[in-house]
Amino acid sequence: GMLADATALHHAEAAEKDRVLIERSEAARRETEAFVRLLIDALPTFVSYWDREQRLRFANQPYLDLLGRSRDQALGRRMSDLLDADAYAQDRPTLMRLLNGERVEWQASRSDAVSRTRRYLQIGRPDTRAGVVEGFVISATDVTELDVARHRLEAANGALAEAERFTRLVADSMPARLAYWDRALVCRFANRHFCEWLGKPADQIVGARSTEALGKDLEAA
């Protein structure tokens, strides 16, 4: 009787210790998960994890905001249900590459929650375990403003090149020898007649100092 009671008490104490340890472990896990989510939600990127069936298993708050859905409304849904048909069709070949184990980087246009078209740089990384792709992570960055700035720079460079072409056309059409030299006496421009007069191509004159382009005799004259 007493031995049985002692054994039962020992088992009860062991079970209580196990319960406390499990509760502490669960509390630590929840605290870690909350901290990780806080960090990922603070990132200026859109982060999502999709399983092999392309069901959303994780999304940070910026990505949920982009979808215009709550976490409960989004998690567990297929990508084809969360994206519009055109966006999904555009991404589908890339998703197949991810599911084949490739790391992929691509750009795509998306409509945000207020129907503005934005441009995103997306990086996909497969989640491979023991040689099997279990899913993939996609992180996306809004590069719309960078894209707009790049197009503006290209347009400005194109306009500058056209202005330079027109200036040279006009200068080459004039019956005079024209050249421009900066403060360091480096040639910055020479028209066709000036180059013909020196008997040198433009690339041997423009960018050269006066002594190199003209020769000492001409410079002294």
C-alpha atoms as a PDB file:
ATOM      1  CA  GLY A   1       0.000   0.000   0.000  1.00  0.00           C
ATOM      2  CA  MET A   2       2.617   2.556   1.041  1.00  0.00           C
ATOM      3  CA  LEU A   3       4.905   1.598  -1.854  1.00  0.00           C
ATOM      4  CA  ALA A   4       2.062   1.943  -4.320  1.00  0.00           C
ATOM      5  CA  ASP A   5       1.156   5.335  -2.879  1.00  0.00           C
ATOM      6  CA  ALA A   6       4.769   6.515  -3.127  1.00  0.00           C
ATOM      7  CA  THR A   7       4.994   5.307  -6.723  1.00  0.00           C
ATOM      8  CA  ALA A   8       1.765   7.057  -7.632  1.00  0.00           C
ATOM      9  CA  LEU A   9       2.977  10.251  -5.979  1.00  0.00           C
ATOM     10  CA  HIS A  10       6.264  10.045  -7.885  1.00  0.00           C
ATOM     11  CA  HIS A  11       4.406   9.605 -11.185  1.00  0.00           C
ATOM     12  CA  ALA A  12       2.128  12.509 -10.366  1.00  0.00           C
ATOM     13  CA  GLU A  13       5.095  14.776  -9.553  1.00  0.00           C
ATOM     14  CA  ALA A  14       6.873  13.716 -12.755  1.00  0.00           C
ATOM     15  CA  ALA A  15       3.719  14.363 -14.783  1.00  0.00           C
ATOM     16  CA  GLU A  16       3.370  17.821 -13.175  1.00  0.00           C
ATOM     17  CA  LYS A  17       6.999  18.643 -13.995  1.00  0.00           C
ATOM     18  CA  ASP A  18       6.448  17.528 -17.581  1.00  0.00           C
ATOM     19  CA  ARG A  19       3.300  19.672 -17.815  1.00  0.00           C
ATOM     20  CA  VAL A  20       5.153  22.727 -16.491  1.00  0.00           C
ATOM     21  CA  LEU A  21       8.047  22.142 -18.902  1.00  0.00           C
ATOM     22  CA  ILE A  22       5.636  21.763 -21.836  1.00  0.00           C
ATOM     23  CA  GLU A  23       3.788  24.945 -20.869  1.00  0.00           C
ATOM     24  CA  ARG A  24       7.068  26.855 -20.585  1.00  0.00           C
ATOM     25  CA  SER A  25       8.227  25.487 -23.927  1.00  0.00           C
ATOM     26  CA  GLU A  26       4.946  26.501 -25.583  1.00  0.00           C
ATOM     27  CA  ALA A  27       5.121  29.954 -24.025  1.00  0.00           C
ATOM     28  CA  ALA A  28       8.698  30.394 -25.264  1.00  0.00           C
ATOM     29  CA  ARG A  29       7.676  29.222 -28.738  1.00  0.00           C
ATOM     30  CA  ARG A  30       4.751  31.669 -28.843  1.00  0.00           C
ATOM     31  CA  GLU A  31       6.996  34.488 -27.632  1.00  0.00           C
ATOM     32  CA  THR A  32       9.605  33.672 -30.286  1.00  0.00           C
ATOM     33  CA  GLU A  33       6.968  33.481 -33.020  1.00  0.00           C
ATOM     34  CA  ALA A  34       5.499  36.822 -31.925  1.00  0.00           C
ATOM     35  CA  PHE A  35       8.946  38.428 -31.966  1.00  0.00           C
ATOM     36  CA  VAL A  36       9.776  37.014 -35.414  1.00  0.00           C
ATOM     37  CA  ARG A  37       6.406  38.203 -36.758  1.00  0.00           C
ATOM     38  CA  LEU A  38       7.025  41.660 -35.292  1.00  0.00           C
ATOM     39  CA  LEU A  39      10.344  41.837 -37.142  1.00  0.00           C
ATOM     40  CA  ILE A  40       8.960  40.523 -40.440  1.00  0.00           C
ATOM     41  CA  ASP A  41       5.918  42.808 -40.265  1.00  0.00           C
ATOM     42  CA  ALA A  42       8.290  45.771 -39.854  1.00  0.00           C
ATOM     43  CA  LEU A  43      10.196  44.960 -43.044  1.00  0.00           C
ATOM     44  CA  PRO A  44       9.585  47.318 -46.008  1.00  0.00           C
ATOM     45  CA  THR A  45       9.030  44.252 -48.216  1.00  0.00           C
ATOM     46  CA  PHE A  46       6.161  41.872 -48.903  1.00  0.00           C
ATOM     47  CA  VAL A  47       6.940  38.371 -47.589  1.00  0.00           C
ATOM     48  CA  SER A  48       4.881  35.243 -48.213  1.00  0.00           C
ATOM     49  CA  TYR A  49       5.339  31.480 -47.929  1.00  0.00           C
ATOM     50  CA  TRP A  50       3.434  29.052 -50.161  1.00  0.00           C
ATOM     51  CA  ASP A  51       3.289  25.262 -49.932  1.00  0.00           C
ATOM     52  CA  ARG A  52       3.547  22.782 -52.813  1.00  0.00           C
ATOM     53  CA  GLU A  53      -0.144  23.265 -53.603  1.00  0.00           C
ATOM     54  CA  GLN A  54       0.472  27.013 -53.794  1.00  0.00           C
ATOM     55  CA  ARG A  55      -1.585  27.646 -50.667  1.00  0.00           C
ATOM     56  CA  LEU A  56      -0.577  30.657 -48.589  1.00  0.00           C
ATOM     57  CA  ARG A  57       0.856  29.469 -45.261  1.00  0.00           C
ATOM     58  CA  PHE A  58       2.485  32.680 -44.049  1.00  0.00           C
ATOM     59  CA  ALA A  59       2.262  36.357 -44.964  1.00  0.00           C
ATOM     60  CA  ASN A  60       3.615  39.453 -43.252  1.00  0.00           C
ATOM     61  CA  GLN A  61       1.308  42.390 -42.630  1.00  0.00           C
ATOM     62  CA  PRO A  62       2.480  44.478 -45.624  1.00  0.00           C
ATOM     63  CA  TYR A  63       1.612  41.572 -47.964  1.00  0.00           C
ATOM     64  CA  LEU A  64      -1.809  41.143 -46.355  1.00  0.00           C
ATOM     65  CA  ASP A  65      -2.368  44.889 -46.784  1.00  0.00           C
ATOM     66  CA  LEU A  66      -1.379  44.561 -50.440  1.00  0.00           C
ATOM     67  CA  LEU A  67      -3.927  41.774 -50.889  1.00  0.00           C
ATOM     68  CA  GLY A  68      -6.542  43.806 -49.015  1.00  0.00           C
ATOM     69  CA  ARG A  69      -7.356  40.798 -46.819  1.00  0.00           C
ATOM     70  CA  SER A  70      -7.048  39.818 -43.177  1.00  0.00           C
ATOM     71  CA  ARG A  71      -4.807  36.948 -42.093  1.00  0.00           C
ATOM     72  CA  ASP A  72      -7.836  34.679 -41.582  1.00  0.00           C
ATOM     73  CA  GLN A  73      -9.161  35.555 -45.043  1.00  0.00           C
ATOM     74  CA  ALA A  74      -5.844  34.854 -46.774  1.00  0.00           C
ATOM     75  CA  LEU A  75      -4.084  31.941 -45.078  1.00  0.00           C
ATOM     76  CA  GLY A  76      -4.860  28.553 -46.607  1.00  0.00           C
ATOM     77  CA  ARG A  77      -6.107  30.058 -49.874  1.00  0.00           C
ATOM     78  CA  ARG A  78      -4.536  29.180 -53.212  1.00  0.00           C
ATOM     79  CA  MET A  79      -2.505  31.802 -55.040  1.00  0.00           C
ATOM     80  CA  SER A  80      -4.870  31.533 -58.011  1.00  0.00           C
ATOM     81  CA  ASP A  81      -7.709  32.628 -55.676  1.00  0.00           C
ATOM     82  CA  LEU A  82      -5.801  35.525 -54.121  1.00  0.00           C
ATOM     83  CA  LEU A  83      -4.337  37.045 -57.303  1.00  0.00           C
ATOM     84  CA  ASP A  84      -6.298  38.212 -60.303  1.00  0.00           C
ATOM     85  CA  ALA A  85      -6.270  35.885 -63.320  1.00  0.00           C
ATOM     86  CA  ASP A  86      -3.808  37.962 -65.369  1.00  0.00           C
ATOM     87  CA  ALA A  87      -1.300  38.303 -62.518  1.00  0.00           C
ATOM     88  CA  TYR A  88      -1.421  34.580 -61.753  1.00  0.00           C
ATOM     89  CA  ALA A  89      -1.025  33.643 -65.425  1.00  0.00           C
ATOM     90  CA  GLN A  90       1.979  35.970 -65.617  1.00  0.00           C
ATOM     91  CA  ASP A  91       3.648  34.363 -62.580  1.00  0.00           C
ATOM     92  CA  ARG A  92       2.717  30.713 -63.167  1.00  0.00           C
ATOM     93  CA  PRO A  93       5.803  29.725 -65.260  1.00  0.00           C
ATOM     94  CA  THR A  94       8.040  31.246 -62.584  1.00  0.00           C
ATOM     95  CA  LEU A  95       6.204  29.352 -59.843  1.00  0.00           C
ATOM     96  CA  MET A  96       6.844  26.090 -61.683  1.00  0.00           C
ATOM     97  CA  ARG A  97      10.570  26.885 -61.686  1.00  0.00           C
ATOM     98  CA  LEU A  98      10.435  27.514 -57.932  1.00  0.00           C
ATOM     99  CA  LEU A  99       8.685  24.182 -57.369  1.00  0.00           C
ATOM    100  CA  ASN A 100      11.464  22.569 -59.411  1.00  0.00           C
ATOM    101  CA  GLY A 101      14.001  23.914 -56.916  1.00  0.00           C
ATOM    102  CA  GLU A 102      15.270  27.021 -58.742  1.00  0.00           C
ATOM    103  CA  ARG A 103      15.944  30.375 -57.092  1.00  0.00           C
ATOM    104  CA  VAL A 104      14.230  32.977 -59.286  1.00  0.00           C
ATOM    105  CA  GLU A 105      14.247  36.769 -59.559  1.00  0.00           C
ATOM    106  CA  TRP A 106      11.692  38.599 -61.695  1.00  0.00           C
ATOM    107  CA  GLN A 107       9.638  41.790 -61.987  1.00  0.00           C
ATOM    108  CA  ALA A 108       5.870  42.003 -62.164  1.00  0.00           C
ATOM    109  CA  SER A 109       3.118  44.614 -62.177  1.00  0.00           C
ATOM    110  CA  ARG A 110       0.362  44.427 -59.580  1.00  0.00           C
ATOM    111  CA  SER A 111      -2.634  46.490 -58.546  1.00  0.00           C
ATOM    112  CA  ASP A 112      -2.509  47.488 -54.892  1.00  0.00           C
ATOM    113  CA  ALA A 113      -5.447  47.722 -52.478  1.00  0.00           C
ATOM    114  CA  VAL A 114      -6.542  51.077 -53.993  1.00  0.00           C
ATOM    115  CA  SER A 115      -6.174  49.882 -57.617  1.00  0.00           C
ATOM    116  CA  ARG A 116      -2.900  51.686 -58.365  1.00  0.00           C
ATOM    117  CA  THR A 117      -0.559  49.798 -60.687  1.00  0.00           C
ATOM    118  CA  ARG A 118       2.769  49.209 -58.990  1.00  0.00           C
ATOM    119  CA  ARG A 119       5.976  47.518 -60.143  1.00  0.00           C
ATOM    120  CA  TYR A 120       7.594  44.903 -57.891  1.00  0.00           C
ATOM    121  CA  LEU A 121      10.967  43.176 -57.866  1.00  0.00           C
ATOM    122  CA  GLN A 122      10.292  39.655 -56.606  1.00  0.00           C
ATOM    123  CA  ILE A 123      12.778  37.078 -55.345  1.00  0.00           C
ATOM    124  CA  GLY A 124      11.644  33.485 -54.900  1.00  0.00           C
ATOM    125  CA  ARG A 125      13.526  30.864 -52.884  1.00  0.00           C
ATOM    126  CA  PRO A 126      12.450  27.199 -52.767  1.00  0.00           C
ATOM    127  CA  ASP A 127      12.071  25.493 -49.387  1.00  0.00           C
ATOM    128  CA  THR A 128      13.927  22.235 -49.981  1.00  0.00           C
ATOM    129  CA  ARG A 129      14.078  19.583 -47.263  1.00  0.00           C
ATOM    130  CA  ALA A 130      15.841  16.247 -47.766  1.00  0.00           C
ATOM    131  CA  GLY A 131      15.894  16.924 -51.497  1.00  0.00           C
ATOM    132  CA  VAL A 132      12.151  17.600 -51.704  1.00  0.00           C
ATOM    133  CA  VAL A 133      10.665  21.041 -52.422  1.00  0.00           C
ATOM    134  CA  GLU A 134       8.025  21.596 -49.734  1.00  0.00           C
ATOM    135  CA  GLY A 135       7.139  25.138 -50.795  1.00  0.00           C
ATOM    136  CA  PHE A 136       8.713  28.491 -51.507  1.00  0.00           C
ATOM    137  CA  VAL A 137       9.201  31.970 -50.063  1.00  0.00           C
ATOM    138  CA  ILE A 138       8.616  35.104 -52.124  1.00  0.00           C
ATOM    139  CA  SER A 139       9.883  38.496 -51.021  1.00  0.00           C
ATOM    140  CA  ALA A 140       8.790  41.471 -53.129  1.00  0.00           C
ATOM    141  CA  THR A 141       9.974  45.090 -53.104  1.00  0.00           C
ATOM    142  CA  ASP A 142       8.067  48.003 -54.613  1.00  0.00           C
ATOM    143  CA  VAL A 143      10.374  49.498 -57.257  1.00  0.00           C
ATOM    144  CA  THR A 144       7.767  51.683 -58.967  1.00  0.00           C
ATOM    145  CA  GLU A 145       9.489  54.979 -58.169  1.00  0.00           C
ATOM    146  CA  LEU A 146      12.872  53.579 -59.222  1.00  0.00           C
ATOM    147  CA  ASP A 147      11.306  52.385 -62.470  1.00  0.00           C
ATOM    148  CA  VAL A 148       9.772  55.815 -63.096  1.00  0.00           C
ATOM    149  CA  ALA A 149      13.096  57.522 -62.329  1.00  0.00           C
ATOM    150  CA  ARG A 150      14.908  55.162 -64.712  1.00  0.00           C
ATOM    151  CA  HIS A 151      12.473  55.944 -67.527  1.00  0.00           C
ATOM    152  CA  ARG A 152      12.863  59.669 -66.868  1.00  0.00           C
ATOM    153  CA  LEU A 153      16.652  59.355 -66.939  1.00  0.00           C
ATOM    154  CA  GLU A 154      16.491  57.405 -70.196  1.00  0.00           C
ATOM    155  CA  ALA A 155      14.216  60.071 -71.679  1.00  0.00           C
ATOM    156  CA  ALA A 156      16.535  62.851 -70.494  1.00  0.00           C
ATOM    157  CA  ASN A 157      19.574  61.065 -71.928  1.00  0.00           C
ATOM    158  CA  GLY A 158      17.723  60.572 -75.191  1.00  0.00           C
ATOM    159  CA  ALA A 159      16.815  64.265 -75.342  1.00  0.00           C
ATOM    160  CA  LEU A 160      20.419  65.225 -74.580  1.00  0.00           C
ATOM    161  CA  ALA A 161      21.738  62.944 -77.305  1.00  0.00           C
ATOM    162  CA  GLU A 162      19.238  64.400 -79.767  1.00  0.00           C
ATOM    163  CA  ALA A 163      20.237  67.950 -78.798  1.00  0.00           C
ATOM    164  CA  GLU A 164      23.918  67.088 -79.270  1.00  0.00           C
ATOM    165  CA  ARG A 165      23.172  65.485 -82.642  1.00  0.00           C
ATOM    166  CA  PHE A 166      21.245  68.586 -83.769  1.00  0.00           C
ATOM    167  CA  THR A 167      24.001  70.929 -82.528  1.00  0.00           C
ATOM    168  CA  ARG A 168      26.647  68.989 -84.456  1.00  0.00           C
ATOM    169  CA  LEU A 169      24.480  68.934 -87.584  1.00  0.00           C
ATOM    170  CA  VAL A 170      24.132  72.715 -87.451  1.00  0.00           C
ATOM    171  CA  ALA A 171      27.828  73.281 -86.655  1.00  0.00           C
ATOM    172  CA  ASP A 172      28.996  70.927 -89.409  1.00  0.00           C
ATOM    173  CA  SER A 173      26.755  72.740 -91.896  1.00  0.00           C
ATOM    174  CA  MET A 174      28.409  76.102 -91.239  1.00  0.00           C
ATOM    175  CA  PRO A 175      31.254  77.113 -93.643  1.00  0.00           C
ATOM    176  CA  ALA A 176      33.513  78.088 -90.737  1.00  0.00           C
ATOM    177  CA  ARG A 177      35.963  76.230 -88.537  1.00  0.00           C
ATOM    178  CA  LEU A 178      34.473  75.973 -85.026  1.00  0.00           C
ATOM    179  CA  ALA A 179      36.085  74.622 -81.877  1.00  0.00           C
ATOM    180  CA  TYR A 180      35.481  75.094 -78.161  1.00  0.00           C
ATOM    181  CA  TRP A 181      38.249  74.928 -75.533  1.00  0.00           C
ATOM    182  CA  ASP A 182      37.727  74.914 -71.781  1.00  0.00           C
ATOM    183  CA  ARG A 183      39.773  76.757 -69.108  1.00  0.00           C
ATOM    184  CA  ALA A 184      42.387  73.992 -69.110  1.00  0.00           C
ATOM    185  CA  LEU A 185      42.721  74.353 -72.908  1.00  0.00           C
ATOM    186  CA  VAL A 186      41.120  70.967 -73.504  1.00  0.00           C
ATOM    187  CA  CYS A 187      39.024  70.728 -76.668  1.00  0.00           C
ATOM    188  CA  ARG A 188      35.366  70.014 -75.901  1.00  0.00           C
ATOM    189  CA  PHE A 189      33.896  70.455 -79.372  1.00  0.00           C
ATOM    190  CA  ALA A 190      35.159  70.662 -82.950  1.00  0.00           C
ATOM    191  CA  ASN A 191      33.066  70.814 -86.108  1.00  0.00           C
ATOM    192  CA  ARG A 192      33.770  68.926 -89.318  1.00  0.00           C
ATOM    193  CA  HIS A 193      35.568  71.816 -91.023  1.00  0.00           C
ATOM    194  CA  PHE A 194      37.922  72.265 -88.060  1.00  0.00           C
ATOM    195  CA  CYS A 195      38.793  68.543 -88.078  1.00  0.00           C
ATOM    196  CA  GLU A 196      39.376  68.615 -91.841  1.00  0.00           C
ATOM    197  CA  TRP A 197      41.594  71.683 -91.440  1.00  0.00           C
ATOM    198  CA  LEU A 198      43.781  69.857 -88.914  1.00  0.00           C
ATOM    199  CA  GLY A 199      43.612  66.645 -90.911  1.00  0.00           C
ATOM    200  CA  LYS A 200      42.615  64.633 -87.845  1.00  0.00           C
ATOM    201  CA  PRO A 201      39.469  62.698 -86.882  1.00  0.00           C
ATOM    202  CA  ALA A 202      37.287  64.214 -84.161  1.00  0.00           C
ATOM    203  CA  ASP A 203      38.241  61.564 -81.589  1.00  0.00           C
ATOM    204  CA  GLN A 204      41.890  62.724 -81.792  1.00  0.00           C
ATOM    205  CA  ILE A 205      40.900  66.353 -81.173  1.00  0.00           C
ATOM    206  CA  VAL A 206      37.981  66.365 -78.724  1.00  0.00           C
ATOM    207  CA  GLY A 207      39.314  65.648 -75.238  1.00  0.00           C
ATOM    208  CA  ALA A 208      42.889  66.542 -76.195  1.00  0.00           C
ATOM    209  CA  ARG A 209      44.879  69.495 -74.889  1.00  0.00           C
ATOM    210  CA  SER A 210      45.672  72.279 -77.347  1.00  0.00           C
ATOM    211  CA  THR A 211      49.335  71.228 -77.645  1.00  0.00           C
ATOM    212  CA  GLU A 212      48.251  67.705 -78.572  1.00  0.00           C
ATOM    213  CA  ALA A 213      45.448  68.670 -80.942  1.00  0.00           C
ATOM    214  CA  LEU A 214      47.062  71.681 -82.664  1.00  0.00           C
ATOM    215  CA  GLY A 215      50.727  70.952 -82.348  1.00  0.00           C
ATOM    216  CA  LYS A 216      53.185  73.425 -80.854  1.00  0.00           C
ATOM    217  CA  ASP A 217      53.542  75.465 -84.058  1.00  0.00           C
ATOM    218  CA  LEU A 218      49.838  76.115 -84.515  1.00  0.00           C
ATOM    219  CA  GLU A 219      49.353  76.776 -80.808  1.00  0.00           C
ATOM    220  CA  ALA A 220      52.180  79.346 -80.829  1.00  0.00           C
ATOM    221  CA  ALA A 221      50.632  80.999 -83.894  1.00  0.00           C
END
